[in-house]
Every structure is written in C-alpha cells, then in structure tokens.
C-alpha cells in the first residue's frame, strides 16, 4: 500500500502541516503531460518509503484556492514539507534519483 493521498484546502493543515512524517506535495492537473509522467514516479517513491513519508496530491483545477495560496504558477510544482514547514521545492520533472535525494535529506 502506498502513502499517496489527495488533499484539499480543508485537509491541507491536518495532512501536511501536522504530519508526523515528511510530505511531498504535488500540485498537478489531469491535462498536464509532465504531471502524468511525474505522478507515477511519486507513487513509486511513496510506496518505497511507506511509513517514512507521504505524497499528497493537489489537483489545481479543483483546488484553485490552495494553488493560489502557494503561488503555483506552473505545474507540476512539488513542495516538500517536514516538521510543518516547507523545506524544499521544484517545478517540472526531475529524475527519480534526484527526488529521492531530496527525500533522504529530510529523513
């Protein structure tokens, strides 16, 4: 079982800010080609690090308020939270190995 969840503006605080484990927040959309490539990579990472991290996905089309709050201008946009604070971020696709390096840095 992977540790991937969909979040909304109502669940962001409880699932991300108050999380006991680091959280990768993926801002994406159904129509976004690069998002479709990154999504499965993040799912794999969530499964490989199950219990140590979680991946939270935000659909920018349905959660426009949340995307605006974080000034997401292009997607995929990924933010990594640890201890309730954003500690890293990137836009676009990165190789899985680089994403894992970012994850390892917060574990």
PDB file of N, CA and C in Angstrom:
ATOM      1  N   UNK A   1       0.838  -1.187   0.000  1.00  0.00           N
ATOM      2  CA  UNK A   1       0.000   0.000   0.000  1.00  0.00           C
ATOM      3  C   UNK A   1       0.877   1.244   0.000  1.00  0.00           C
ATOM      4  N   UNK A   2       0.560   2.184  -0.869  1.00  0.00           N
ATOM      5  CA  UNK A   2       1.365   3.403  -0.916  1.00  0.00           C
ATOM      6  C   UNK A   2       0.804   4.439   0.044  1.00  0.00           C
ATOM      7  N   UNK A   3       1.584   5.441   0.257  1.00  0.00           N
ATOM      8  CA  UNK A   3       1.218   6.515   1.167  1.00  0.00           C
ATOM      9  C   UNK A   3       0.859   7.759   0.365  1.00  0.00           C
ATOM     10  N   UNK A   4       0.021   7.613  -0.668  1.00  0.00           N
ATOM     11  CA  UNK A   4      -0.380   8.717  -1.534  1.00  0.00           C
ATOM     12  C   UNK A   4      -1.818   9.099  -1.216  1.00  0.00           C
ATOM     13  N   UNK A   5      -2.035  10.400  -0.999  1.00  0.00           N
ATOM     14  CA  UNK A   5      -3.376  10.879  -0.670  1.00  0.00           C
ATOM     15  C   UNK A   5      -3.705  12.106  -1.506  1.00  0.00           C
ATOM     16  N   UNK A   6      -4.979  12.345  -1.717  1.00  0.00           N
ATOM     17  CA  UNK A   6      -5.444  13.579  -2.350  1.00  0.00           C
ATOM     18  C   UNK A   6      -5.807  14.536  -1.229  1.00  0.00           C
ATOM     19  N   UNK A   7      -5.364  15.791  -1.362  1.00  0.00           N
ATOM     20  CA  UNK A   7      -5.693  16.759  -0.318  1.00  0.00           C
ATOM     21  C   UNK A   7      -6.422  17.960  -0.892  1.00  0.00           C
ATOM     22  N   UNK A   8      -7.130  18.635  -0.008  1.00  0.00           N
ATOM     23  CA  UNK A   8      -7.896  19.830  -0.347  1.00  0.00           C
ATOM     24  C   UNK A   8      -7.487  20.943   0.609  1.00  0.00           C
ATOM     25  N   UNK A   9      -8.036  22.108   0.391  1.00  0.00           N
ATOM     26  CA  UNK A   9      -7.735  23.213   1.307  1.00  0.00           C
ATOM     27  C   UNK A   9      -8.226  22.888   2.718  1.00  0.00           C
ATOM     28  N   UNK A  10      -9.258  22.040   2.834  1.00  0.00           N
ATOM     29  CA  UNK A  10      -9.772  21.661   4.145  1.00  0.00           C
ATOM     30  C   UNK A  10      -8.867  20.655   4.859  1.00  0.00           C
ATOM     31  N   UNK A  11      -8.149  19.835   4.110  1.00  0.00           N
ATOM     32  CA  UNK A  11      -7.323  18.796   4.728  1.00  0.00           C
ATOM     33  C   UNK A  11      -5.830  19.115   4.716  1.00  0.00           C
ATOM     34  N   UNK A  12      -5.435  20.219   4.089  1.00  0.00           N
ATOM     35  CA  UNK A  12      -4.005  20.535   3.969  1.00  0.00           C
ATOM     36  C   UNK A  12      -3.318  20.611   5.328  1.00  0.00           C
ATOM     37  N   UNK A  13      -3.905  21.332   6.257  1.00  0.00           N
ATOM     38  CA  UNK A  13      -3.261  21.503   7.562  1.00  0.00           C
ATOM     39  C   UNK A  13      -3.076  20.162   8.267  1.00  0.00           C
ATOM     40  N   UNK A  14      -4.135  19.365   8.338  1.00  0.00           N
ATOM     41  CA  UNK A  14      -4.039  18.099   9.076  1.00  0.00           C
ATOM     42  C   UNK A  14      -3.144  17.080   8.372  1.00  0.00           C
ATOM     43  N   UNK A  15      -3.151  17.062   7.051  1.00  0.00           N
ATOM     44  CA  UNK A  15      -2.386  16.048   6.313  1.00  0.00           C
ATOM     45  C   UNK A  15      -0.941  16.453   6.039  1.00  0.00           C
ATOM     46  N   UNK A  16      -0.679  17.765   5.973  1.00  0.00           N
ATOM     47  CA  UNK A  16       0.670  18.226   5.620  1.00  0.00           C
ATOM     48  C   UNK A  16       1.352  18.912   6.797  1.00  0.00           C
ATOM     49  N   UNK A  17       0.784  19.997   7.263  1.00  0.00           N
ATOM     50  CA  UNK A  17       1.417  20.792   8.319  1.00  0.00           C
ATOM     51  C   UNK A  17       1.548  19.994   9.613  1.00  0.00           C
ATOM     52  N   UNK A  18       0.525  19.228   9.962  1.00  0.00           N
ATOM     53  CA  UNK A  18       0.535  18.481  11.219  1.00  0.00           C
ATOM     54  C   UNK A  18       1.019  17.037  11.062  1.00  0.00           C
ATOM     55  N   UNK A  19       1.565  16.698   9.907  1.00  0.00           N
ATOM     56  CA  UNK A  19       2.019  15.330   9.657  1.00  0.00           C
ATOM     57  C   UNK A  19       3.229  14.972  10.511  1.00  0.00           C
ATOM     58  N   UNK A  20       3.252  13.730  10.979  1.00  0.00           N
ATOM     59  CA  UNK A  20       4.389  13.221  11.754  1.00  0.00           C
ATOM     60  C   UNK A  20       5.565  12.831  10.868  1.00  0.00           C
ATOM     61  N   UNK A  21       5.317  12.691   9.566  1.00  0.00           N
ATOM     62  CA  UNK A  21       6.371  12.322   8.619  1.00  0.00           C
ATOM     63  C   UNK A  21       6.470  13.401   7.542  1.00  0.00           C
ATOM     64  N   UNK A  22       7.620  13.509   6.878  1.00  0.00           N
ATOM     65  CA  UNK A  22       7.733  14.477   5.782  1.00  0.00           C
ATOM     66  C   UNK A  22       6.688  14.202   4.697  1.00  0.00           C
ATOM     67  N   UNK A  23       6.275  15.269   4.012  1.00  0.00           N
ATOM     68  CA  UNK A  23       5.237  15.165   2.989  1.00  0.00           C
ATOM     69  C   UNK A  23       5.719  15.812   1.695  1.00  0.00           C
ATOM     70  N   UNK A  24       5.573  15.081   0.596  1.00  0.00           N
ATOM     71  CA  UNK A  24       5.807  15.632  -0.736  1.00  0.00           C
ATOM     72  C   UNK A  24       4.445  16.082  -1.238  1.00  0.00           C
ATOM     73  N   UNK A  25       4.291  17.377  -1.526  1.00  0.00           N
ATOM     74  CA  UNK A  25       3.026  17.913  -2.020  1.00  0.00           C
ATOM     75  C   UNK A  25       3.170  18.155  -3.520  1.00  0.00           C
ATOM     76  N   UNK A  26       2.378  17.448  -4.309  1.00  0.00           N
ATOM     77  CA  UNK A  26       2.429  17.506  -5.767  1.00  0.00           C
ATOM     78  C   UNK A  26       1.219  18.275  -6.289  1.00  0.00           C
ATOM     79  N   UNK A  27       1.454  19.483  -6.819  1.00  0.00           N
ATOM     80  CA  UNK A  27       0.403  20.269  -7.461  1.00  0.00           C
ATOM     81  C   UNK A  27       0.377  19.851  -8.927  1.00  0.00           C
ATOM     82  N   UNK A  28      -0.771  19.358  -9.403  1.00  0.00           N
ATOM     83  CA  UNK A  28      -0.868  18.771 -10.735  1.00  0.00           C
ATOM     84  C   UNK A  28      -2.240  19.044 -11.340  1.00  0.00           C
ATOM     85  N   UNK A  29      -2.435  18.611 -12.592  1.00  0.00           N
ATOM     86  CA  UNK A  29      -3.741  18.689 -13.260  1.00  0.00           C
ATOM     87  C   UNK A  29      -3.862  17.524 -14.238  1.00  0.00           C
ATOM     88  N   UNK A  30      -5.098  17.119 -14.498  1.00  0.00           N
ATOM     89  CA  UNK A  30      -5.375  15.996 -15.412  1.00  0.00           C
ATOM     90  C   UNK A  30      -4.812  16.236 -16.812  1.00  0.00           C
ATOM     91  N   UNK A  31      -4.886  17.483 -17.292  1.00  0.00           N
ATOM     92  CA  UNK A  31      -4.498  17.816 -18.660  1.00  0.00           C
ATOM     93  C   UNK A  31      -2.996  18.041 -18.830  1.00  0.00           C
ATOM     94  N   UNK A  32      -2.229  17.986 -17.762  1.00  0.00           N
ATOM     95  CA  UNK A  32      -0.799  18.314 -17.770  1.00  0.00           C
ATOM     96  C   UNK A  32       0.041  17.087 -18.132  1.00  0.00           C
ATOM     97  N   UNK A  33       0.663  17.108 -19.315  1.00  0.00           N
ATOM     98  CA  UNK A  33       1.503  15.998 -19.761  1.00  0.00           C
ATOM     99  C   UNK A  33       2.647  15.675 -18.812  1.00  0.00           C
ATOM    100  N   UNK A  34       3.466  16.679 -18.427  1.00  0.00           N
ATOM    101  CA  UNK A  34       4.560  16.399 -17.494  1.00  0.00           C
ATOM    102  C   UNK A  34       4.063  15.849 -16.150  1.00  0.00           C
ATOM    103  N   UNK A  35       2.877  16.275 -15.724  1.00  0.00           N
ATOM    104  CA  UNK A  35       2.309  15.772 -14.461  1.00  0.00           C
ATOM    105  C   UNK A  35       2.032  14.276 -14.559  1.00  0.00           C
ATOM    106  N   UNK A  36       1.584  13.844 -15.744  1.00  0.00           N
ATOM    107  CA  UNK A  36       1.276  12.427 -15.943  1.00  0.00           C
ATOM    108  C   UNK A  36       2.536  11.570 -15.884  1.00  0.00           C
ATOM    109  N   UNK A  37       3.680  12.168 -16.210  1.00  0.00           N
ATOM    110  CA  UNK A  37       4.952  11.440 -16.120  1.00  0.00           C
ATOM    111  C   UNK A  37       5.479  11.432 -14.690  1.00  0.00           C
ATOM    112  N   UNK A  38       5.318  12.545 -13.980  1.00  0.00           N
ATOM    113  CA  UNK A  38       5.835  12.651 -12.618  1.00  0.00           C
ATOM    114  C   UNK A  38       4.986  11.864 -11.621  1.00  0.00           C
ATOM    115  N   UNK A  39       3.682  11.843 -11.818  1.00  0.00           N
ATOM    116  CA  UNK A  39       2.774  11.180 -10.882  1.00  0.00           C
ATOM    117  C   UNK A  39       3.172   9.756 -10.532  1.00  0.00           C
ATOM    118  N   UNK A  40       3.396   8.890 -11.528  1.00  0.00           N
ATOM    119  CA  UNK A  40       3.787   7.509 -11.219  1.00  0.00           C
ATOM    120  C   UNK A  40       5.129   7.411 -10.484  1.00  0.00           C
ATOM    121  N   UNK A  41       6.051   8.321 -10.774  1.00  0.00           N
ATOM    122  CA  UNK A  41       7.346   8.329 -10.074  1.00  0.00           C
ATOM    123  C   UNK A  41       7.121   8.630  -8.593  1.00  0.00           C
ATOM    124  N   UNK A  42       6.278   9.623  -8.309  1.00  0.00           N
ATOM    125  CA  UNK A  42       5.983   9.959  -6.914  1.00  0.00           C
ATOM    126  C   UNK A  42       5.237   8.819  -6.225  1.00  0.00           C
ATOM    127  N   UNK A  43       4.366   8.128  -6.971  1.00  0.00           N
ATOM    128  CA  UNK A  43       3.669   6.966  -6.407  1.00  0.00           C
ATOM    129  C   UNK A  43       4.667   5.876  -6.016  1.00  0.00           C
ATOM    130  N   UNK A  44       5.668   5.652  -6.874  1.00  0.00           N
ATOM    131  CA  UNK A  44       6.704   4.652  -6.572  1.00  0.00           C
ATOM    132  C   UNK A  44       7.479   5.040  -5.316  1.00  0.00           C
ATOM    133  N   UNK A  45       7.847   6.319  -5.231  1.00  0.00           N
ATOM    134  CA  UNK A  45       8.594   6.792  -4.060  1.00  0.00           C
ATOM    135  C   UNK A  45       7.746   6.637  -2.803  1.00  0.00           C
ATOM    136  N   UNK A  46       6.456   6.963  -2.906  1.00  0.00           N
ATOM    137  CA  UNK A  46       5.561   6.810  -1.755  1.00  0.00           C
ATOM    138  C   UNK A  46       5.522   5.360  -1.296  1.00  0.00           C
ATOM    139  N   UNK A  47       5.490   4.431  -2.245  1.00  0.00           N
ATOM    140  CA  UNK A  47       5.452   3.008  -1.891  1.00  0.00           C
ATOM    141  C   UNK A  47       6.779   2.556  -1.285  1.00  0.00           C
ATOM    142  N   UNK A  48       7.882   3.019  -1.869  1.00  0.00           N
ATOM    143  CA  UNK A  48       9.205   2.618  -1.381  1.00  0.00           C
ATOM    144  C   UNK A  48       9.501   3.169   0.016  1.00  0.00           C
ATOM    145  N   UNK A  49       8.945   4.332   0.323  1.00  0.00           N
ATOM    146  CA  UNK A  49       9.192   4.976   1.614  1.00  0.00           C
ATOM    147  C   UNK A  49       7.948   4.955   2.493  1.00  0.00           C
ATOM    148  N   UNK A  50       7.081   3.977   2.266  1.00  0.00           N
ATOM    149  CA  UNK A  50       5.828   3.867   3.016  1.00  0.00           C
ATOM    150  C   UNK A  50       6.097   3.878   4.519  1.00  0.00           C
ATOM    151  N   UNK A  51       5.402   4.754   5.217  1.00  0.00           N
ATOM    152  CA  UNK A  51       5.586   4.879   6.659  1.00  0.00           C
ATOM    153  C   UNK A  51       6.632   5.907   7.043  1.00  0.00           C
ATOM    154  N   UNK A  52       7.500   6.270   6.086  1.00  0.00           N
ATOM    155  CA  UNK A  52       8.547   7.261   6.358  1.00  0.00           C
ATOM    156  C   UNK A  52       8.210   8.622   5.774  1.00  0.00           C
ATOM    157  N   UNK A  53       7.463   8.626   4.664  1.00  0.00           N
ATOM    158  CA  UNK A  53       6.990   9.863   4.036  1.00  0.00           C
ATOM    159  C   UNK A  53       5.582   9.608   3.515  1.00  0.00           C
ATOM    160  N   UNK A  54       4.930  10.676   3.098  1.00  0.00           N
ATOM    161  CA  UNK A  54       3.704  10.504   2.333  1.00  0.00           C
ATOM    162  C   UNK A  54       3.712  11.500   1.189  1.00  0.00           C
ATOM    163  N   UNK A  55       2.967  11.161   0.159  1.00  0.00           N
ATOM    164  CA  UNK A  55       2.827  12.021  -1.006  1.00  0.00           C
ATOM    165  C   UNK A  55       1.391  12.521  -1.023  1.00  0.00           C
ATOM    166  N   UNK A  56       1.244  13.842  -1.058  1.00  0.00           N
ATOM    167  CA  UNK A  56      -0.070  14.476  -1.082  1.00  0.00           C
ATOM    168  C   UNK A  56      -0.248  15.154  -2.435  1.00  0.00           C
ATOM    169  N   UNK A  57      -1.336  14.846  -3.111  1.00  0.00           N
ATOM    170  CA  UNK A  57      -1.576  15.392  -4.442  1.00  0.00           C
ATOM    171  C   UNK A  57      -2.689  16.433  -4.388  1.00  0.00           C
ATOM    172  N   UNK A  58      -2.420  17.556  -5.067  1.00  0.00           N
ATOM    173  CA  UNK A  58      -3.385  18.649  -5.127  1.00  0.00           C
ATOM    174  C   UNK A  58      -3.730  18.897  -6.590  1.00  0.00           C
ATOM    175  N   UNK A  59      -4.981  18.651  -6.970  1.00  0.00           N
ATOM    176  CA  UNK A  59      -5.452  18.939  -8.325  1.00  0.00           C
ATOM    177  C   UNK A  59      -5.726  20.443  -8.400  1.00  0.00           C
ATOM    178  N   UNK A  60      -4.906  21.159  -9.175  1.00  0.00           N
ATOM    179  CA  UNK A  60      -5.020  22.623  -9.209  1.00  0.00           C
ATOM    180  C   UNK A  60      -6.323  23.096  -9.842  1.00  0.00           C
ATOM    181  N   UNK A  61      -6.971  22.258 -10.643  1.00  0.00           N
ATOM    182  CA  UNK A  61      -8.242  22.656 -11.243  1.00  0.00           C
ATOM    183  C   UNK A  61      -9.381  22.638 -10.233  1.00  0.00           C
ATOM    184  N   UNK A  62      -9.340  21.720  -9.284  1.00  0.00           N
ATOM    185  CA  UNK A  62     -10.399  21.661  -8.279  1.00  0.00           C
ATOM    186  C   UNK A  62     -10.022  22.402  -7.003  1.00  0.00           C
ATOM    187  N   UNK A  63      -8.736  22.615  -6.795  1.00  0.00           N
ATOM    188  CA  UNK A  63      -8.254  23.296  -5.582  1.00  0.00           C
ATOM    189  C   UNK A  63      -7.514  24.585  -5.941  1.00  0.00           C
ATOM    190  N   UNK A  64      -8.205  25.454  -6.665  1.00  0.00           N
ATOM    191  CA  UNK A  64      -7.591  26.711  -7.123  1.00  0.00           C
ATOM    192  C   UNK A  64      -7.169  27.609  -5.967  1.00  0.00           C
ATOM    193  N   UNK A  65      -7.937  27.617  -4.895  1.00  0.00           N
ATOM    194  CA  UNK A  65      -7.597  28.447  -3.735  1.00  0.00           C
ATOM    195  C   UNK A  65      -6.272  28.002  -3.131  1.00  0.00           C
ATOM    196  N   UNK A  66      -6.093  26.707  -2.997  1.00  0.00           N
ATOM    197  CA  UNK A  66      -4.853  26.170  -2.434  1.00  0.00           C
ATOM    198  C   UNK A  66      -3.669  26.464  -3.359  1.00  0.00           C
ATOM    199  N   UNK A  67      -3.865  26.287  -4.656  1.00  0.00           N
ATOM    200  CA  UNK A  67      -2.796  26.582  -5.618  1.00  0.00           C
ATOM    201  C   UNK A  67      -2.432  28.065  -5.571  1.00  0.00           C
ATOM    202  N   UNK A  68      -3.424  28.930  -5.463  1.00  0.00           N
ATOM    203  CA  UNK A  68      -3.158  30.371  -5.385  1.00  0.00           C
ATOM    204  C   UNK A  68      -2.449  30.732  -4.088  1.00  0.00           C
ATOM    205  N   UNK A  69      -2.835  30.097  -2.994  1.00  0.00           N
ATOM    206  CA  UNK A  69      -2.222  30.373  -1.699  1.00  0.00           C
ATOM    207  C   UNK A  69      -0.715  30.100  -1.738  1.00  0.00           C
ATOM    208  N   UNK A  70      -0.323  29.080  -2.497  1.00  0.00           N
ATOM    209  CA  UNK A  70       1.091  28.715  -2.590  1.00  0.00           C
ATOM    210  C   UNK A  70       1.750  29.260  -3.854  1.00  0.00           C
ATOM    211  N   UNK A  71       1.046  30.149  -4.535  1.00  0.00           N
ATOM    212  CA  UNK A  71       1.551  30.833  -5.726  1.00  0.00           C
ATOM    213  C   UNK A  71       2.086  29.856  -6.770  1.00  0.00           C
ATOM    214  N   UNK A  72       1.337  28.798  -6.999  1.00  0.00           N
ATOM    215  CA  UNK A  72       1.708  27.820  -8.011  1.00  0.00           C
ATOM    216  C   UNK A  72       1.389  28.423  -9.375  1.00  0.00           C
ATOM    217  N   UNK A  73       2.441  28.688 -10.146  1.00  0.00           N
ATOM    218  CA  UNK A  73       2.282  29.315 -11.454  1.00  0.00           C
ATOM    219  C   UNK A  73       2.422  28.316 -12.600  1.00  0.00           C
ATOM    220  N   UNK A  74       3.169  27.246 -12.379  1.00  0.00           N
ATOM    221  CA  UNK A  74       3.301  26.213 -13.400  1.00  0.00           C
ATOM    222  C   UNK A  74       3.310  24.853 -12.714  1.00  0.00           C
ATOM    223  N   UNK A  75       2.924  23.853 -13.480  1.00  0.00           N
ATOM    224  CA  UNK A  75       2.832  22.508 -12.923  1.00  0.00           C
ATOM    225  C   UNK A  75       3.569  21.527 -13.824  1.00  0.00           C
ATOM    226  N   UNK A  76       4.037  20.426 -13.281  1.00  0.00           N
ATOM    227  CA  UNK A  76       3.946  20.055 -11.876  1.00  0.00           C
ATOM    228  C   UNK A  76       4.835  20.932 -11.001  1.00  0.00           C
ATOM    229  N   UNK A  77       4.315  21.267  -9.854  1.00  0.00           N
ATOM    230  CA  UNK A  77       5.050  22.023  -8.846  1.00  0.00           C
ATOM    231  C   UNK A  77       5.030  21.178  -7.578  1.00  0.00           C
ATOM    232  N   UNK A  78       6.210  20.909  -7.046  1.00  0.00           N
ATOM    233  CA  UNK A  78       6.325  19.991  -5.915  1.00  0.00           C
ATOM    234  C   UNK A  78       6.984  20.692  -4.739  1.00  0.00           C
ATOM    235  N   UNK A  79       6.382  20.561  -3.581  1.00  0.00           N
ATOM    236  CA  UNK A  79       6.920  21.137  -2.346  1.00  0.00           C
ATOM    237  C   UNK A  79       7.112  20.012  -1.338  1.00  0.00           C
ATOM    238  N   UNK A  80       8.209  20.083  -0.606  1.00  0.00           N
ATOM    239  CA  UNK A  80       8.484  19.074   0.414  1.00  0.00           C
ATOM    240  C   UNK A  80       8.393  19.739   1.779  1.00  0.00           C
ATOM    241  N   UNK A  81       7.546  19.166   2.630  1.00  0.00           N
ATOM    242  CA  UNK A  81       7.333  19.680   3.980  1.00  0.00           C
ATOM    243  C   UNK A  81       7.906  18.710   4.998  1.00  0.00           C
ATOM    244  N   UNK A  82       8.498  19.273   6.035  1.00  0.00           N
ATOM    245  CA  UNK A  82       8.983  18.475   7.153  1.00  0.00           C
ATOM    246  C   UNK A  82       8.803  19.301   8.415  1.00  0.00           C
ATOM    247  N   UNK A  83       8.230  18.708   9.439  1.00  0.00           N
ATOM    248  CA  UNK A  83       8.001  19.427  10.681  1.00  0.00           C
ATOM    249  C   UNK A  83       7.063  20.608  10.530  1.00  0.00           C
ATOM    250  N   UNK A  84       6.163  20.539   9.549  1.00  0.00           N
ATOM    251  CA  UNK A  84       5.178  21.591   9.344  1.00  0.00           C
ATOM    252  C   UNK A  84       5.632  22.743   8.479  1.00  0.00           C
ATOM    253  N   UNK A  85       6.881  22.720   8.013  1.00  0.00           N
ATOM    254  CA  UNK A  85       7.415  23.819   7.196  1.00  0.00           C
ATOM    255  C   UNK A  85       7.899  23.307   5.846  1.00  0.00           C
ATOM    256  N   UNK A  86       7.796  24.180   4.842  1.00  0.00           N
ATOM    257  CA  UNK A  86       8.329  23.839   3.524  1.00  0.00           C
ATOM    258  C   UNK A  86       9.847  23.883   3.595  1.00  0.00           C
ATOM    259  N   UNK A  87      10.500  22.796   3.190  1.00  0.00           N
ATOM    260  CA  UNK A  87      11.960  22.713   3.265  1.00  0.00           C
ATOM    261  C   UNK A  87      12.614  22.613   1.893  1.00  0.00           C
ATOM    262  N   UNK A  88      11.825  22.335   0.860  1.00  0.00           N
ATOM    263  CA  UNK A  88      12.377  22.217  -0.488  1.00  0.00           C
ATOM    264  C   UNK A  88      11.227  22.321  -1.479  1.00  0.00           C
ATOM    265  N   UNK A  89      11.565  22.620  -2.728  1.00  0.00           N
ATOM    266  CA  UNK A  89      10.557  22.652  -3.779  1.00  0.00           C
ATOM    267  C   UNK A  89      11.228  22.562  -5.137  1.00  0.00           C
ATOM    268  N   UNK A  90      10.460  22.122  -6.124  1.00  0.00           N
ATOM    269  CA  UNK A  90      10.930  22.135  -7.507  1.00  0.00           C
ATOM    270  C   UNK A  90       9.726  22.179  -8.434  1.00  0.00           C
ATOM    271  N   UNK A  91       9.967  22.664  -9.645  1.00  0.00           N
ATOM    272  CA  UNK A  91       8.927  22.738 -10.661  1.00  0.00           C
ATOM    273  C   UNK A  91       9.377  21.907 -11.851  1.00  0.00           C
ATOM    274  N   UNK A  92       8.451  21.171 -12.433  1.00  0.00           N
ATOM    275  CA  UNK A  92       8.783  20.318 -13.566  1.00  0.00           C
ATOM    276  C   UNK A  92       9.193  18.935 -13.100  1.00  0.00           C
ATOM    277  N   UNK A  93       9.659  18.156 -14.060  1.00  0.00           N
ATOM    278  CA  UNK A  93      10.066  16.786 -13.750  1.00  0.00           C
ATOM    279  C   UNK A  93      11.530  16.723 -13.373  1.00  0.00           C
ATOM    280  N   UNK A  94      11.825  15.948 -12.373  1.00  0.00           N
ATOM    281  CA  UNK A  94      13.200  15.624 -12.003  1.00  0.00           C
ATOM    282  C   UNK A  94      13.343  14.112 -12.100  1.00  0.00           C
ATOM    283  N   UNK A  95      14.548  13.627 -12.356  1.00  0.00           N
ATOM    284  CA  UNK A  95      14.749  12.180 -12.320  1.00  0.00           C
ATOM    285  C   UNK A  95      14.443  11.643 -10.918  1.00  0.00           C
ATOM    286  N   UNK A  96      13.960  10.414 -10.876  1.00  0.00           N
ATOM    287  CA  UNK A  96      13.596   9.784  -9.606  1.00  0.00           C
ATOM    288  C   UNK A  96      14.742   9.853  -8.606  1.00  0.00           C
ATOM    289  N   UNK A  97      15.962   9.639  -9.074  1.00  0.00           N
ATOM    290  CA  UNK A  97      17.131   9.644  -8.196  1.00  0.00           C
ATOM    291  C   UNK A  97      17.285  10.999  -7.486  1.00  0.00           C
ATOM    292  N   UNK A  98      17.036  12.095  -8.210  1.00  0.00           N
ATOM    293  CA  UNK A  98      17.142  13.429  -7.600  1.00  0.00           C
ATOM    294  C   UNK A  98      16.040  13.662  -6.573  1.00  0.00           C
ATOM    295  N   UNK A  99      14.849  13.193  -6.872  1.00  0.00           N
ATOM    296  CA  UNK A  99      13.741  13.346  -5.923  1.00  0.00           C
ATOM    297  C   UNK A  99      14.044  12.547  -4.660  1.00  0.00           C
ATOM    298  N   UNK A 100      14.575  11.338  -4.834  1.00  0.00           N
ATOM    299  CA  UNK A 100      14.934  10.515  -3.676  1.00  0.00           C
ATOM    300  C   UNK A 100      16.000  11.214  -2.836  1.00  0.00           C
ATOM    301  N   UNK A 101      16.948  11.886  -3.473  1.00  0.00           N
ATOM    302  CA  UNK A 101      17.968  12.639  -2.723  1.00  0.00           C
ATOM    303  C   UNK A 101      17.319  13.714  -1.862  1.00  0.00           C
ATOM    304  N   UNK A 102      16.306  14.379  -2.415  1.00  0.00           N
ATOM    305  CA  UNK A 102      15.590  15.408  -1.661  1.00  0.00           C
ATOM    306  C   UNK A 102      14.836  14.783  -0.484  1.00  0.00           C
ATOM    307  N   UNK A 103      14.245  13.619  -0.718  1.00  0.00           N
ATOM    308  CA  UNK A 103      13.530  12.904   0.344  1.00  0.00           C
ATOM    309  C   UNK A 103      14.505  12.475   1.438  1.00  0.00           C
ATOM    310  N   UNK A 104      15.613  11.881   1.032  1.00  0.00           N
ATOM    311  CA  UNK A 104      16.609  11.409   2.004  1.00  0.00           C
ATOM    312  C   UNK A 104      17.128  12.555   2.872  1.00  0.00           C
ATOM    313  N   UNK A 105      17.201  13.748   2.296  1.00  0.00           N
ATOM    314  CA  UNK A 105      17.715  14.906   3.033  1.00  0.00           C
ATOM    315  C   UNK A 105      16.814  15.310   4.198  1.00  0.00           C
ATOM    316  N   UNK A 106      15.532  14.934   4.138  1.00  0.00           N
ATOM    317  CA  UNK A 106      14.607  15.327   5.213  1.00  0.00           C
ATOM    318  C   UNK A 106      14.257  14.179   6.153  1.00  0.00           C
ATOM    319  N   UNK A 107      14.792  13.004   5.888  1.00  0.00           N
ATOM    320  CA  UNK A 107      14.506  11.862   6.768  1.00  0.00           C
ATOM    321  C   UNK A 107      15.460  11.824   7.942  1.00  0.00           C
TER     322      UNK A 107
END
